[in-house]
Amino acid sequence: MTTVSKSKANLPPFDAARYLVDDKAIAEYLTAVLETEDTDLLLLALSNIARAKGMAQVAKDAGLDRESLYKALAPGAKPRLDTILKVTRARGAKFSAHPA
């Protein structure tokens, strides 16, 4: 199998935020990410979701200032659970538990 590097393929970088256009897409995306149990991936997903709507708007809807939101969703950050829930709700989704 031949692989082509990004520079040779001349492809734009993939941005998941461009595809998170409605609440259903966001819910499906979050569900898939949560199934991985990867906390770093969850942080990236929340960042993508916030960027899809606009960081300033999500910060406002979540009751956070924009700088705090950027810090909470930065790679390697350890946001509090209440911050995660606020960001998720601000974008029209919520968490629920199901039997394993």
C-alpha atoms as a PDB file:
ATOM      1  CA  MET A   1       0.000   0.000   0.000  1.00  0.00           C
ATOM      2  CA  THR A   2       1.382   3.381  -0.972  1.00  0.00           C
ATOM      3  CA  THR A   3       0.988   6.246   1.460  1.00  0.00           C
ATOM      4  CA  VAL A   4       1.021   9.882   0.499  1.00  0.00           C
ATOM      5  CA  SER A   5       2.206  12.518   2.905  1.00  0.00           C
ATOM      6  CA  LYS A   6       0.021  15.545   3.578  1.00  0.00           C
ATOM      7  CA  SER A   7       2.435  17.824   1.750  1.00  0.00           C
ATOM      8  CA  LYS A   8       2.268  15.682  -1.394  1.00  0.00           C
ATOM      9  CA  ALA A   9      -1.493  15.273  -1.223  1.00  0.00           C
ATOM     10  CA  ASN A  10      -2.041  19.010  -0.661  1.00  0.00           C
ATOM     11  CA  LEU A  11      -5.047  18.381   1.575  1.00  0.00           C
ATOM     12  CA  PRO A  12      -6.337  20.879   4.115  1.00  0.00           C
ATOM     13  CA  PRO A  13      -6.154  19.789   7.757  1.00  0.00           C
ATOM     14  CA  PHE A  14      -9.238  18.003   9.046  1.00  0.00           C
ATOM     15  CA  ASP A  15     -11.364  20.109  11.396  1.00  0.00           C
ATOM     16  CA  ALA A  16     -14.160  18.213  13.155  1.00  0.00           C
ATOM     17  CA  ALA A  17     -15.791  21.494  14.214  1.00  0.00           C
ATOM     18  CA  ARG A  18     -16.857  22.106  10.607  1.00  0.00           C
ATOM     19  CA  TYR A  19     -19.093  19.025  10.728  1.00  0.00           C
ATOM     20  CA  LEU A  20     -20.735  19.662  14.093  1.00  0.00           C
ATOM     21  CA  VAL A  21     -23.596  21.630  12.609  1.00  0.00           C
ATOM     22  CA  ASP A  22     -26.526  20.513  14.769  1.00  0.00           C
ATOM     23  CA  ASP A  23     -27.371  18.985  18.132  1.00  0.00           C
ATOM     24  CA  LYS A  24     -27.734  15.487  16.669  1.00  0.00           C
ATOM     25  CA  ALA A  25     -24.235  15.545  15.162  1.00  0.00           C
ATOM     26  CA  ILE A  26     -22.811  16.816  18.442  1.00  0.00           C
ATOM     27  CA  ALA A  27     -24.591  14.133  20.480  1.00  0.00           C
ATOM     28  CA  GLU A  28     -23.385  11.363  18.160  1.00  0.00           C
ATOM     29  CA  TYR A  29     -19.835  12.750  18.242  1.00  0.00           C
ATOM     30  CA  LEU A  30     -19.813  12.948  22.055  1.00  0.00           C
ATOM     31  CA  THR A  31     -21.277   9.449  22.357  1.00  0.00           C
ATOM     32  CA  ALA A  32     -18.554   8.009  20.121  1.00  0.00           C
ATOM     33  CA  VAL A  33     -15.830   9.839  22.043  1.00  0.00           C
ATOM     34  CA  LEU A  34     -17.179   8.767  25.448  1.00  0.00           C
ATOM     35  CA  GLU A  35     -17.182   5.130  24.322  1.00  0.00           C
ATOM     36  CA  THR A  36     -13.391   5.337  23.926  1.00  0.00           C
ATOM     37  CA  GLU A  37     -12.969   6.276  27.622  1.00  0.00           C
ATOM     38  CA  ASP A  38     -10.075   8.510  26.507  1.00  0.00           C
ATOM     39  CA  THR A  39     -10.071  11.690  28.598  1.00  0.00           C
ATOM     40  CA  ASP A  40      -7.684  13.515  26.265  1.00  0.00           C
ATOM     41  CA  LEU A  41      -9.973  12.755  23.338  1.00  0.00           C
ATOM     42  CA  LEU A  42     -12.959  14.008  25.354  1.00  0.00           C
ATOM     43  CA  LEU A  43     -11.147  17.292  25.989  1.00  0.00           C
ATOM     44  CA  LEU A  44     -10.395  17.626  22.268  1.00  0.00           C
ATOM     45  CA  ALA A  45     -14.021  16.826  21.426  1.00  0.00           C
ATOM     46  CA  LEU A  46     -15.305  19.485  23.827  1.00  0.00           C
ATOM     47  CA  SER A  47     -12.926  21.978  22.243  1.00  0.00           C
ATOM     48  CA  ASN A  48     -14.165  21.035  18.763  1.00  0.00           C
ATOM     49  CA  ILE A  49     -17.766  21.393  19.920  1.00  0.00           C
ATOM     50  CA  ALA A  50     -17.080  24.812  21.436  1.00  0.00           C
ATOM     51  CA  ARG A  51     -15.292  25.999  18.291  1.00  0.00           C
ATOM     52  CA  ALA A  52     -18.221  24.809  16.160  1.00  0.00           C
ATOM     53  CA  LYS A  53     -20.533  27.298  17.845  1.00  0.00           C
ATOM     54  CA  GLY A  54     -17.892  29.900  18.617  1.00  0.00           C
ATOM     55  CA  MET A  55     -15.819  29.997  21.772  1.00  0.00           C
ATOM     56  CA  ALA A  56     -17.161  33.389  22.861  1.00  0.00           C
ATOM     57  CA  GLN A  57     -20.786  32.261  22.529  1.00  0.00           C
ATOM     58  CA  VAL A  58     -20.180  28.962  24.322  1.00  0.00           C
ATOM     59  CA  ALA A  59     -18.346  30.784  27.116  1.00  0.00           C
ATOM     60  CA  LYS A  60     -21.260  33.191  27.475  1.00  0.00           C
ATOM     61  CA  ASP A  61     -23.876  30.407  27.416  1.00  0.00           C
ATOM     62  CA  ALA A  62     -21.854  28.391  29.950  1.00  0.00           C
ATOM     63  CA  GLY A  63     -21.402  31.353  32.284  1.00  0.00           C
ATOM     64  CA  LEU A  64     -17.628  31.388  31.836  1.00  0.00           C
ATOM     65  CA  ASP A  65     -15.284  34.019  30.517  1.00  0.00           C
ATOM     66  CA  ARG A  66     -13.659  33.225  27.172  1.00  0.00           C
ATOM     67  CA  GLU A  67     -10.125  32.994  28.573  1.00  0.00           C
ATOM     68  CA  SER A  68     -11.227  30.483  31.224  1.00  0.00           C
ATOM     69  CA  LEU A  69     -12.908  28.385  28.547  1.00  0.00           C
ATOM     70  CA  TYR A  70      -9.758  28.338  26.408  1.00  0.00           C
ATOM     71  CA  LYS A  71      -7.681  27.291  29.443  1.00  0.00           C
ATOM     72  CA  ALA A  72     -10.168  24.600  30.469  1.00  0.00           C
ATOM     73  CA  LEU A  73     -10.158  23.059  26.980  1.00  0.00           C
ATOM     74  CA  ALA A  74      -6.439  23.385  26.262  1.00  0.00           C
ATOM     75  CA  PRO A  75      -4.537  20.145  25.590  1.00  0.00           C
ATOM     76  CA  GLY A  76      -3.439  18.616  28.883  1.00  0.00           C
ATOM     77  CA  ALA A  77      -5.886  20.672  30.960  1.00  0.00           C
ATOM     78  CA  LYS A  78      -7.809  19.036  33.775  1.00  0.00           C
ATOM     79  CA  PRO A  79     -11.161  20.863  33.725  1.00  0.00           C
ATOM     80  CA  ARG A  80     -13.589  20.457  36.591  1.00  0.00           C
ATOM     81  CA  LEU A  81     -16.659  18.323  36.007  1.00  0.00           C
ATOM     82  CA  ASP A  82     -18.952  21.335  36.387  1.00  0.00           C
ATOM     83  CA  THR A  83     -17.048  23.091  33.589  1.00  0.00           C
ATOM     84  CA  ILE A  84     -17.426  20.054  31.322  1.00  0.00           C
ATOM     85  CA  LEU A  85     -21.157  19.899  32.047  1.00  0.00           C
ATOM     86  CA  LYS A  86     -21.622  23.641  31.450  1.00  0.00           C
ATOM     87  CA  VAL A  87     -19.820  23.502  28.101  1.00  0.00           C
ATOM     88  CA  THR A  88     -21.786  20.441  27.026  1.00  0.00           C
ATOM     89  CA  ARG A  89     -25.133  21.995  27.987  1.00  0.00           C
ATOM     90  CA  ALA A  90     -24.193  25.307  26.354  1.00  0.00           C
ATOM     91  CA  ARG A  91     -23.876  23.470  23.060  1.00  0.00           C
ATOM     92  CA  GLY A  92     -27.162  21.604  23.358  1.00  0.00           C
ATOM     93  CA  ALA A  93     -26.090  18.209  24.682  1.00  0.00           C
ATOM     94  CA  LYS A  94     -26.141  16.438  28.026  1.00  0.00           C
ATOM     95  CA  PHE A  95     -24.643  13.334  29.547  1.00  0.00           C
ATOM     96  CA  SER A  96     -26.674  10.321  30.615  1.00  0.00           C
ATOM     97  CA  ALA A  97     -25.824   6.968  32.160  1.00  0.00           C
ATOM     98  CA  HIS A  98     -26.815   3.577  30.763  1.00  0.00           C
ATOM     99  CA  PRO A  99     -26.226   0.058  32.084  1.00  0.00           C
ATOM    100  CA  ALA A 100     -22.940  -1.354  30.833  1.00  0.00           C
END
